Amino acid sequence: METAASTLPAFGPALPEIVLAVGTLFLLLVGAFRKVSPTRGISWAVVALFALVAVLVTGQGDIHAATFGGMFLIDPFTRFIKLLVLLAAALSVIMSVTYIRRENMDRFEFPILIALAALGMIMMVSSNSLIALYLGLELQSLSIYVIAAFNRDSARSSEAGLKYFVLGALSSGMLLYGSSLVYGFTGSVDYPTIAAAISTGHASVGLIFGLVFILAALAFKISAVPFHMWTPDVYEGAPTPVTALMASAPKVAAMALLIRVLFTAFPGITPEWKQIIVFVSIASMVLGAFAAIGQRNIKRLMAYSSIGHMGYVLVGVAAGTVEGLRGVLIYLAIYVVMNAGVFCVILAMRRSGEQVESIEDLAGLSRSRPMVSFLLAMLMFSLAGIPPLAGFFAKFYVFMAAIKADLYLLSVIGVLSSVVGAYYYLRIVKVMYFDEPAQALDAPMSRELSIVLGLSGLFTLFFFVYPAPLIASAEAAAAALLP
């Protein structure tokens, strides 16, 4: 009996994931056995569960530990990303409470699926093996495939779910093929063992091909060019709270996963993968800046905006330094908060009981809802990177890291892309403040949306007053990955 017990892994490092899994399954049973639809109560229970898990993650402190045969790892980097993922997922659930009731989607499975997606995200953030990476990524992806098509009465929602599923399955196949090549040429799927196998800096062509396939799959998950083709259609067709989730939490988790794979498993061939990251970054920034100019649907515009922002984040990854990773983490945190505020306004865009999504529907909003217009204008200025708002500091840190790493061309292209991208953000401000008023939107937004929008706006406006806690946390997380 003692021998059997000694083979059991340590469950302590995975306690947050275990609590989230058990809590989600319990809520699933509660929803299944209740005769009256308990969606609202389960939604708030999921938010409370996220808060509990966040406390457990915070309680792990600065410890470094591995379990499950070294496949599961915790350190300050994973802790920082998990807290961001839980925040983004919780905000998405809060924003969905009123929406799903209005859109006849009042089914308790919706918040449960978001919780399962969040579980997959925080699992893959802690992965220290290509097998653990795949398990977490698929749990997240399968849950989001379902909620993207959750509005069964909408052809657009069904189309969005189907497109995301088909292309997502393709990216999963690429990930598995790349992983099999890496295993074949190194003899292992564990990151440290892979790193040791290529520590000489001379990687075979087959291993490079494997890395390219893995990067292609992860680029799909963060909707980076040239694997961005699904993003505008899925963002437009999916229910808006799902779009808000897809624009934040999965991108944060996949970006962390990309960083972990590159810096833990493949540090010996940094020059090879840095070329790929620089190309993808430039392509994403340029396409995100120019393709959004002609958009009339605000959700499609936010899709191209997210492509551009992932390009800016990759600037910090390309730098390959502690300063670069610190900039990436700060950028992701600020982006999650800004994104939540913008989608609160999009969710509140209703006319005669119907959801409207055209930018022109915001015309004259400043006269009917001055505070909402002001906060949305500040968020647009911040997304454009205008000082002294939070978005400016997000770009400042990644560009400064790139300059210190002698990536001058990448920095210049990034700044020029920001200037071009400012056009379509400022166009929304112009429509709200200077265009002739359109037919007034419906009654003021729900209390949940008002609170999230207010907090997002305050963070964006006053981040420069006291940025030290976020910067210090990001610095510690980056230093843990690149000691």
Protein backbone atom coordinates (compact mmCIF):
# COMPACT_ATOMS: atom_id res chain seq x y z
CA MET A 1 0.00 0.00 0.00
CA GLU A 2 2.85 2.40 0.81
CA THR A 3 4.47 1.71 -2.54
CA ALA A 4 1.25 2.55 -4.38
CA ALA A 5 0.80 5.71 -2.34
CA SER A 6 4.33 6.86 -3.02
CA THR A 7 3.64 6.87 -6.78
CA LEU A 8 0.80 9.34 -6.45
CA PRO A 9 1.61 12.83 -7.77
CA ALA A 10 1.51 15.88 -5.54
CA PHE A 11 -1.90 17.46 -5.95
CA GLY A 12 -1.10 20.71 -4.13
CA PRO A 13 0.29 22.61 -7.14
CA ALA A 14 -2.83 21.72 -9.15
CA LEU A 15 -5.29 22.61 -6.37
CA PRO A 16 -6.82 25.62 -8.23
CA GLU A 17 -7.49 23.46 -11.30
CA ILE A 18 -8.94 20.66 -9.17
CA VAL A 19 -11.26 23.05 -7.32
CA LEU A 20 -12.41 24.62 -10.60
CA ALA A 21 -13.08 21.21 -12.17
CA VAL A 22 -14.98 19.84 -9.15
CA GLY A 23 -16.92 23.09 -8.69
CA THR A 24 -17.91 23.20 -12.36
CA LEU A 25 -19.12 19.59 -12.33
CA PHE A 26 -21.11 20.27 -9.16
CA LEU A 27 -22.80 23.29 -10.78
CA LEU A 28 -23.52 21.18 -13.86
CA LEU A 29 -25.37 18.67 -11.67
CA VAL A 30 -27.25 21.48 -9.92
CA GLY A 31 -28.40 22.85 -13.26
CA ALA A 32 -29.39 19.42 -14.58
CA PHE A 33 -31.53 18.49 -11.56
CA ARG A 34 -33.25 21.85 -11.08
CA LYS A 35 -36.71 22.01 -12.66
CA VAL A 36 -36.64 25.78 -13.06
CA SER A 37 -33.92 27.28 -15.26
CA PRO A 38 -31.26 28.46 -12.76
CA THR A 39 -29.05 30.24 -15.30
CA ARG A 40 -28.71 33.54 -13.46
CA GLY A 41 -27.85 31.86 -10.16
CA ILE A 42 -25.34 29.50 -11.81
CA SER A 43 -23.75 32.43 -13.66
CA TRP A 44 -23.04 34.21 -10.38
CA ALA A 45 -21.95 30.92 -8.80
CA VAL A 46 -19.41 30.50 -11.63
CA VAL A 47 -18.14 34.05 -10.99
CA ALA A 48 -17.79 33.20 -7.27
CA LEU A 49 -15.97 29.98 -8.22
CA PHE A 50 -13.56 31.99 -10.37
CA ALA A 51 -12.94 34.31 -7.42
CA LEU A 52 -12.21 31.34 -5.14
CA VAL A 53 -9.80 29.84 -7.67
CA ALA A 54 -8.10 33.24 -8.05
CA VAL A 55 -7.57 33.33 -4.26
CA LEU A 56 -6.04 29.84 -4.39
CA VAL A 57 -3.75 30.86 -7.26
CA THR A 58 -2.67 33.99 -5.35
CA GLY A 59 -2.07 31.88 -2.24
CA GLN A 60 0.52 29.80 -4.07
CA GLY A 61 2.86 32.79 -3.78
CA ASP A 62 6.19 32.79 -5.57
CA ILE A 63 6.80 29.05 -5.32
CA HIS A 64 8.18 26.98 -8.19
CA ALA A 65 6.86 23.44 -8.29
CA ALA A 66 6.17 20.65 -10.77
CA THR A 67 3.95 17.59 -10.49
CA PHE A 68 2.37 14.81 -12.58
CA GLY A 69 5.78 13.63 -13.75
CA GLY A 70 6.94 17.15 -14.47
CA MET A 71 4.13 17.77 -16.97
CA PHE A 72 2.42 20.39 -14.77
CA LEU A 73 4.37 23.43 -13.60
CA ILE A 74 3.60 26.45 -11.43
CA ASP A 75 5.70 29.59 -11.00
CA PRO A 76 5.06 33.38 -10.85
CA PHE A 77 4.61 33.46 -14.64
CA THR A 78 1.78 30.92 -14.61
CA ARG A 79 0.21 32.63 -11.61
CA PHE A 80 0.10 36.01 -13.37
CA ILE A 81 -1.46 34.54 -16.53
CA LYS A 82 -4.00 32.44 -14.61
CA LEU A 83 -5.25 35.48 -12.73
CA LEU A 84 -5.66 37.33 -16.04
CA VAL A 85 -7.53 34.41 -17.60
CA LEU A 86 -9.86 34.10 -14.60
CA LEU A 87 -10.54 37.85 -14.67
CA ALA A 88 -11.36 37.80 -18.39
CA ALA A 89 -13.60 34.74 -18.04
CA ALA A 90 -15.42 36.21 -15.02
CA LEU A 91 -16.06 39.49 -16.87
CA SER A 92 -17.49 37.53 -19.82
CA VAL A 93 -19.89 35.65 -17.55
CA ILE A 94 -20.98 38.89 -15.85
CA MET A 95 -21.58 40.57 -19.21
CA SER A 96 -23.66 37.60 -20.40
CA VAL A 97 -26.16 37.51 -17.52
CA THR A 98 -28.72 39.88 -19.06
CA TYR A 99 -27.84 39.15 -22.69
CA ILE A 100 -28.62 35.43 -22.70
CA ARG A 101 -32.04 36.06 -21.16
CA ARG A 102 -32.93 38.72 -23.74
CA GLU A 103 -31.74 36.60 -26.66
CA ASN A 104 -33.67 33.47 -25.61
CA MET A 105 -30.42 31.67 -24.79
CA ASP A 106 -31.34 31.24 -21.13
CA ARG A 107 -29.74 27.82 -20.62
CA PHE A 108 -27.57 27.02 -17.65
CA GLU A 109 -24.95 25.27 -19.79
CA PHE A 110 -23.65 28.64 -21.02
CA PRO A 111 -21.73 29.72 -17.88
CA ILE A 112 -20.72 26.08 -17.29
CA LEU A 113 -19.06 25.95 -20.71
CA ILE A 114 -17.20 29.20 -20.01
CA ALA A 115 -15.96 27.66 -16.74
CA LEU A 116 -14.76 24.55 -18.60
CA ALA A 117 -13.02 26.74 -21.18
CA ALA A 118 -11.30 28.64 -18.35
CA LEU A 119 -10.24 25.31 -16.82
CA GLY A 120 -8.61 24.32 -20.11
CA MET A 121 -6.86 27.68 -20.33
CA ILE A 122 -5.31 27.58 -16.87
CA MET A 123 -4.31 23.94 -17.41
CA MET A 124 -2.45 24.71 -20.61
CA VAL A 125 -0.77 27.73 -19.04
CA SER A 126 0.85 25.35 -16.54
CA SER A 127 1.79 22.76 -19.15
CA ASN A 128 5.41 21.65 -19.17
CA SER A 129 4.91 19.05 -21.88
CA LEU A 130 3.43 18.96 -25.38
CA ILE A 131 0.90 16.36 -24.17
CA ALA A 132 -0.35 18.58 -21.32
CA LEU A 133 -0.40 21.51 -23.75
CA TYR A 134 -2.69 19.63 -26.13
CA LEU A 135 -5.09 18.43 -23.40
CA GLY A 136 -5.60 21.94 -22.03
CA LEU A 137 -5.88 23.51 -25.46
CA GLU A 138 -8.54 21.05 -26.62
CA LEU A 139 -10.63 21.42 -23.45
CA GLN A 140 -10.65 25.17 -24.03
CA SER A 141 -11.33 24.88 -27.76
CA LEU A 142 -14.15 22.33 -27.54
CA SER A 143 -16.00 24.46 -24.99
CA ILE A 144 -15.68 27.61 -27.11
CA TYR A 145 -16.80 25.78 -30.28
CA VAL A 146 -20.09 25.04 -28.51
CA ILE A 147 -20.76 28.49 -27.08
CA ALA A 148 -19.86 30.15 -30.40
CA ALA A 149 -22.86 28.32 -31.88
CA PHE A 150 -24.97 28.59 -28.71
CA ASN A 151 -27.70 30.74 -30.27
CA ARG A 152 -29.46 27.92 -32.12
CA ASP A 153 -32.05 30.30 -33.62
CA SER A 154 -29.38 32.32 -35.41
CA ALA A 155 -27.88 31.14 -38.69
CA ARG A 156 -24.94 33.49 -38.14
CA SER A 157 -24.15 31.89 -34.78
CA SER A 158 -24.32 28.38 -36.21
CA GLU A 159 -22.09 29.43 -39.10
CA ALA A 160 -19.59 31.00 -36.69
CA GLY A 161 -19.43 27.86 -34.57
CA LEU A 162 -18.98 25.64 -37.62
CA LYS A 163 -16.22 27.82 -39.11
CA TYR A 164 -14.38 27.98 -35.83
CA PHE A 165 -14.73 24.22 -35.33
CA VAL A 166 -13.47 23.26 -38.81
CA LEU A 167 -10.51 25.64 -38.79
CA GLY A 168 -9.80 24.90 -35.13
CA ALA A 169 -9.67 21.17 -35.90
CA LEU A 170 -7.18 21.95 -38.67
CA SER A 171 -4.97 23.89 -36.25
CA SER A 172 -5.17 21.05 -33.70
CA GLY A 173 -4.02 18.64 -36.38
CA MET A 174 -1.09 20.92 -37.17
CA LEU A 175 -0.20 21.05 -33.48
CA LEU A 176 -0.22 17.27 -33.19
CA TYR A 177 1.81 16.83 -36.36
CA GLY A 178 4.36 19.37 -35.17
CA SER A 179 4.52 17.70 -31.76
CA SER A 180 5.08 14.29 -33.37
CA LEU A 181 7.97 15.69 -35.41
CA VAL A 182 9.53 17.26 -32.31
CA TYR A 183 9.14 13.96 -30.45
CA GLY A 184 10.65 12.05 -33.35
CA PHE A 185 13.75 14.24 -33.52
CA THR A 186 14.32 14.77 -29.78
CA GLY A 187 12.86 11.62 -28.23
CA SER A 188 10.70 13.54 -25.73
CA VAL A 189 7.62 15.74 -25.38
CA ASP A 190 8.78 17.41 -22.14
CA TYR A 191 10.03 20.97 -22.55
CA PRO A 192 13.24 20.62 -20.47
CA THR A 193 14.22 17.43 -22.27
CA ILE A 194 13.57 19.00 -25.67
CA ALA A 195 15.68 22.00 -24.65
CA ALA A 196 18.52 19.71 -23.53
CA ALA A 197 18.37 17.78 -26.81
CA ILE A 198 18.93 20.95 -28.86
CA SER A 199 21.19 22.78 -26.41
CA THR A 200 24.03 22.70 -28.94
CA GLY A 201 22.11 25.16 -31.10
CA HIS A 202 22.22 22.86 -34.14
CA ALA A 203 18.67 21.69 -34.80
CA SER A 204 17.78 19.30 -37.61
CA VAL A 205 15.52 20.39 -40.45
CA GLY A 206 12.82 18.03 -39.21
CA LEU A 207 12.82 19.65 -35.77
CA ILE A 208 12.51 23.10 -37.35
CA PHE A 209 9.53 21.87 -39.36
CA GLY A 210 7.96 20.56 -36.15
CA LEU A 211 8.43 23.92 -34.45
CA VAL A 212 6.89 25.70 -37.46
CA PHE A 213 3.77 23.52 -37.28
CA ILE A 214 3.43 24.15 -33.53
CA LEU A 215 3.83 27.90 -34.03
CA ALA A 216 1.23 27.84 -36.83
CA ALA A 217 -1.29 26.16 -34.53
CA LEU A 218 -0.65 28.64 -31.71
CA ALA A 219 -0.79 31.56 -34.16
CA PHE A 220 -4.28 30.36 -35.07
CA LYS A 221 -5.32 30.48 -31.43
CA ILE A 222 -4.15 34.09 -31.05
CA SER A 223 -5.55 34.96 -34.53
CA ALA A 224 -2.19 36.16 -35.84
CA VAL A 225 -1.57 36.61 -39.56
CA PRO A 226 -1.58 34.47 -41.71
CA PHE A 227 -3.86 32.29 -39.55
CA HIS A 228 -6.38 35.03 -38.83
CA MET A 229 -8.97 34.22 -41.51
CA TRP A 230 -11.56 32.89 -39.07
CA THR A 231 -11.54 35.88 -36.77
CA PRO A 232 -13.85 38.50 -38.41
CA ASP A 233 -16.58 36.01 -39.35
CA VAL A 234 -16.57 34.21 -36.00
CA TYR A 235 -16.48 37.46 -34.02
CA GLU A 236 -19.44 38.80 -36.00
CA GLY A 237 -21.56 35.66 -35.85
CA ALA A 238 -20.95 34.47 -32.29
CA PRO A 239 -23.10 35.80 -29.43
CA THR A 240 -21.52 39.05 -28.24
CA PRO A 241 -20.49 37.80 -24.75
CA VAL A 242 -18.74 34.89 -26.47
CA THR A 243 -16.96 37.33 -28.77
CA ALA A 244 -15.88 39.28 -25.68
CA LEU A 245 -14.50 36.06 -24.18
CA MET A 246 -12.74 34.99 -27.39
CA ALA A 247 -11.10 38.41 -27.74
CA SER A 248 -9.48 38.20 -24.32
CA ALA A 249 -9.04 35.03 -22.24
CA PRO A 250 -8.06 32.49 -24.98
CA LYS A 251 -5.62 34.98 -26.50
CA VAL A 252 -3.95 35.59 -23.13
CA ALA A 253 -3.64 31.85 -22.47
CA ALA A 254 -2.41 31.01 -25.98
CA MET A 255 0.12 33.85 -25.91
CA ALA A 256 1.45 32.57 -22.57
CA LEU A 257 1.62 29.09 -24.04
CA LEU A 258 3.55 30.39 -27.05
CA ILE A 259 6.02 32.13 -24.74
CA ARG A 260 6.43 29.05 -22.54
CA VAL A 261 7.07 26.77 -25.51
CA LEU A 262 9.59 29.10 -27.16
CA PHE A 263 11.57 30.09 -24.08
CA THR A 264 11.44 26.75 -22.21
CA ALA A 265 11.55 24.12 -24.95
CA PHE A 266 13.38 25.88 -27.78
CA PRO A 267 15.84 28.41 -26.29
CA GLY A 268 18.69 26.74 -28.17
CA ILE A 269 17.35 27.78 -31.58
CA THR A 270 16.23 31.30 -30.75
CA PRO A 271 17.50 32.85 -34.04
CA GLU A 272 15.34 30.42 -36.04
CA TRP A 273 12.06 31.04 -34.23
CA LYS A 274 12.70 34.76 -33.80
CA GLN A 275 12.52 35.17 -37.59
CA ILE A 276 9.05 33.61 -37.57
CA ILE A 277 7.85 35.77 -34.68
CA VAL A 278 9.11 38.98 -36.33
CA PHE A 279 7.34 38.14 -39.61
CA VAL A 280 4.06 37.21 -37.90
CA SER A 281 4.24 40.36 -35.75
CA ILE A 282 4.77 42.69 -38.72
CA ALA A 283 2.07 40.99 -40.80
CA SER A 284 -0.46 41.13 -37.93
CA MET A 285 0.21 44.80 -37.12
CA VAL A 286 -0.04 45.89 -40.76
CA LEU A 287 -3.13 43.83 -41.61
CA GLY A 288 -4.86 44.81 -38.37
CA ALA A 289 -4.23 48.49 -39.16
CA PHE A 290 -5.33 48.54 -42.80
CA ALA A 291 -8.05 45.86 -43.00
CA ALA A 292 -10.14 47.48 -40.27
CA ILE A 293 -10.43 50.82 -42.07
CA GLY A 294 -13.33 49.78 -44.28
CA GLN A 295 -15.31 47.90 -41.62
CA ARG A 296 -18.85 49.03 -40.79
CA ASN A 297 -19.71 46.32 -38.26
CA ILE A 298 -18.18 47.13 -34.87
CA LYS A 299 -17.61 43.45 -33.97
CA ARG A 300 -15.68 42.88 -37.21
CA LEU A 301 -13.70 46.04 -36.48
CA MET A 302 -12.82 44.67 -33.03
CA ALA A 303 -11.73 41.43 -34.72
CA TYR A 304 -9.19 43.24 -36.87
CA SER A 305 -8.24 45.35 -33.87
CA SER A 306 -7.44 42.17 -31.91
CA ILE A 307 -5.28 40.89 -34.79
CA GLY A 308 -3.31 44.14 -34.69
CA HIS A 309 -2.92 44.06 -30.92
CA MET A 310 -1.61 40.50 -30.99
CA GLY A 311 0.99 41.79 -33.46
CA TYR A 312 2.04 44.44 -30.95
CA VAL A 313 2.28 41.82 -28.20
CA LEU A 314 4.53 39.69 -30.40
CA VAL A 315 6.94 42.64 -30.62
CA GLY A 316 7.77 41.99 -26.96
CA VAL A 317 8.11 38.25 -27.59
CA ALA A 318 10.52 38.92 -30.48
CA ALA A 319 12.72 40.99 -28.16
CA GLY A 320 13.39 37.79 -26.21
CA THR A 321 14.40 39.61 -23.01
CA VAL A 322 13.00 40.06 -19.52
CA GLU A 323 12.01 43.62 -20.51
CA GLY A 324 10.21 42.24 -23.55
CA LEU A 325 8.25 39.65 -21.56
CA ARG A 326 7.42 42.24 -18.92
CA GLY A 327 6.00 44.43 -21.69
CA VAL A 328 3.99 41.49 -23.04
CA LEU A 329 2.41 40.78 -19.65
CA ILE A 330 1.58 44.44 -19.02
CA TYR A 331 0.10 44.69 -22.51
CA LEU A 332 -2.09 41.61 -22.02
CA ALA A 333 -3.41 42.86 -18.66
CA ILE A 334 -4.29 46.29 -20.04
CA TYR A 335 -5.80 44.80 -23.19
CA VAL A 336 -8.13 42.51 -21.22
CA VAL A 337 -9.53 45.45 -19.24
CA MET A 338 -9.91 47.76 -22.26
CA ASN A 339 -11.54 45.00 -24.29
CA ALA A 340 -14.11 44.30 -21.56
CA GLY A 341 -15.17 47.96 -21.49
CA VAL A 342 -15.64 48.17 -25.25
CA PHE A 343 -17.75 45.02 -25.37
CA CYS A 344 -19.96 46.35 -22.58
CA VAL A 345 -20.95 49.19 -24.90
CA ILE A 346 -21.42 46.80 -27.85
CA LEU A 347 -23.72 44.65 -25.68
CA ALA A 348 -25.74 47.76 -24.79
CA MET A 349 -26.31 48.66 -28.46
CA ARG A 350 -29.98 47.71 -28.78
CA ARG A 351 -32.77 49.39 -30.70
CA SER A 352 -36.43 48.34 -30.44
CA GLY A 353 -35.34 45.26 -28.54
CA GLU A 354 -32.95 44.10 -31.26
CA GLN A 355 -29.16 43.99 -31.08
CA VAL A 356 -27.50 46.42 -33.52
CA GLU A 357 -23.84 46.26 -34.49
CA SER A 358 -23.22 48.97 -37.08
CA ILE A 359 -20.81 51.77 -36.20
CA GLU A 360 -23.35 54.23 -37.61
CA ASP A 361 -25.79 53.15 -34.87
CA LEU A 362 -23.56 55.04 -32.42
CA ALA A 363 -24.24 58.35 -34.18
CA GLY A 364 -25.09 61.12 -31.73
CA LEU A 365 -24.66 58.85 -28.71
CA SER A 366 -22.94 61.69 -26.85
CA ARG A 367 -26.24 63.57 -26.63
CA SER A 368 -28.34 60.73 -25.25
CA ARG A 369 -25.70 58.99 -23.08
CA PRO A 370 -22.84 61.39 -22.41
CA MET A 371 -21.08 59.27 -19.78
CA VAL A 372 -21.14 56.09 -21.90
CA SER A 373 -19.85 58.09 -24.87
CA PHE A 374 -17.05 59.59 -22.80
CA LEU A 375 -15.90 56.22 -21.46
CA LEU A 376 -16.05 54.60 -24.91
CA ALA A 377 -14.09 57.52 -26.38
CA MET A 378 -11.41 57.09 -23.70
CA LEU A 379 -11.23 53.36 -24.44
CA MET A 380 -10.87 54.08 -28.17
CA PHE A 381 -8.09 56.60 -27.47
CA SER A 382 -6.42 54.01 -25.25
CA LEU A 383 -6.66 51.27 -27.89
CA ALA A 384 -5.06 53.72 -30.31
CA GLY A 385 -2.18 54.20 -27.85
CA ILE A 386 -2.70 57.88 -27.06
CA PRO A 387 -1.04 59.12 -23.81
CA PRO A 388 -1.55 59.25 -20.90
CA LEU A 389 -4.08 56.44 -21.14
CA ALA A 390 -3.26 52.83 -20.25
CA GLY A 391 -2.99 51.67 -23.87
CA PHE A 392 -0.09 54.05 -24.46
CA PHE A 393 1.97 52.43 -21.70
CA ALA A 394 1.15 48.95 -23.05
CA LYS A 395 2.73 49.83 -26.40
CA PHE A 396 5.50 51.88 -24.80
CA TYR A 397 6.90 48.93 -22.85
CA VAL A 398 6.95 46.49 -25.80
CA PHE A 399 8.44 49.01 -28.22
CA MET A 400 11.14 50.07 -25.74
CA ALA A 401 12.07 46.41 -25.21
CA ALA A 402 12.30 45.92 -28.98
CA ILE A 403 14.54 48.98 -29.35
CA LYS A 404 16.85 47.71 -26.59
CA ALA A 405 17.03 44.40 -28.47
CA ASP A 406 18.07 46.28 -31.65
CA LEU A 407 14.80 45.48 -33.44
CA TYR A 408 14.55 49.00 -34.86
CA LEU A 409 12.64 48.12 -38.04
CA LEU A 410 10.05 46.16 -36.09
CA SER A 411 9.56 49.11 -33.71
CA VAL A 412 9.18 51.62 -36.55
CA ILE A 413 6.61 49.44 -38.35
CA GLY A 414 4.74 49.04 -35.06
CA VAL A 415 4.56 52.79 -34.44
CA LEU A 416 3.45 53.48 -38.03
CA SER A 417 0.78 50.77 -37.76
CA SER A 418 -0.46 52.42 -34.56
CA VAL A 419 -0.83 55.71 -36.42
CA VAL A 420 -2.85 54.06 -39.19
CA GLY A 421 -4.94 52.12 -36.68
CA ALA A 422 -5.76 55.32 -34.81
CA TYR A 423 -7.94 56.31 -37.77
CA TYR A 424 -10.64 53.72 -37.23
CA TYR A 425 -10.65 54.17 -33.45
CA LEU A 426 -11.04 57.92 -33.81
CA ARG A 427 -13.74 57.42 -36.44
CA ILE A 428 -15.94 55.87 -33.73
CA VAL A 429 -15.36 58.94 -31.55
CA LYS A 430 -16.24 61.20 -34.49
CA VAL A 431 -19.47 59.26 -35.14
CA MET A 432 -20.54 59.57 -31.49
CA TYR A 433 -19.77 63.26 -31.09
CA PHE A 434 -20.14 64.90 -34.49
CA ASP A 435 -22.57 62.89 -36.63
CA GLU A 436 -26.28 63.60 -36.75
CA PRO A 437 -28.07 61.56 -34.06
CA ALA A 438 -29.47 58.23 -35.17
CA GLN A 439 -32.61 56.78 -33.65
CA ALA A 440 -31.97 56.57 -29.92
CA LEU A 441 -30.78 53.29 -28.50
CA ASP A 442 -32.89 51.46 -25.94
CA ALA A 443 -32.95 52.16 -22.21
CA PRO A 444 -29.67 52.47 -20.32
CA MET A 445 -27.43 49.42 -20.03
CA SER A 446 -27.89 46.86 -17.30
CA ARG A 447 -26.28 47.31 -13.90
CA GLU A 448 -23.70 44.58 -14.60
CA LEU A 449 -22.55 46.24 -17.81
CA SER A 450 -22.47 49.68 -16.18
CA ILE A 451 -20.21 48.44 -13.38
CA VAL A 452 -17.79 46.65 -15.73
CA LEU A 453 -17.67 49.64 -18.10
CA GLY A 454 -17.09 52.03 -15.21
CA LEU A 455 -14.25 49.99 -13.75
CA SER A 456 -12.67 49.53 -17.18
CA GLY A 457 -12.88 53.24 -17.87
CA LEU A 458 -11.39 54.19 -14.49
CA PHE A 459 -8.50 51.75 -14.93
CA THR A 460 -7.79 53.08 -18.41
CA LEU A 461 -7.95 56.72 -17.35
CA PHE A 462 -5.96 56.52 -14.13
CA PHE A 463 -3.49 53.70 -14.78
CA PHE A 464 -0.65 56.21 -15.04
CA VAL A 465 -1.30 57.45 -11.50
CA TYR A 466 -0.18 54.21 -9.82
CA PRO A 467 1.08 51.57 -12.29
CA ALA A 468 3.64 50.11 -9.86
CA PRO A 469 1.72 46.97 -8.70
CA LEU A 470 1.07 45.72 -12.24
CA ILE A 471 4.60 46.53 -13.40
CA ALA A 472 6.16 44.80 -10.38
CA SER A 473 4.00 41.68 -10.84
CA ALA A 474 4.83 41.53 -14.55
CA GLU A 475 8.54 41.99 -13.78
CA ALA A 476 8.51 39.11 -11.29
CA ALA A 477 6.59 36.85 -13.68
CA ALA A 478 8.96 37.60 -16.58
CA ALA A 479 12.04 37.09 -14.39
CA ALA A 480 10.69 33.68 -13.31
CA LEU A 481 10.59 32.54 -16.92
CA LEU A 482 13.91 34.12 -17.93
CA PRO A 483 16.05 34.09 -14.77
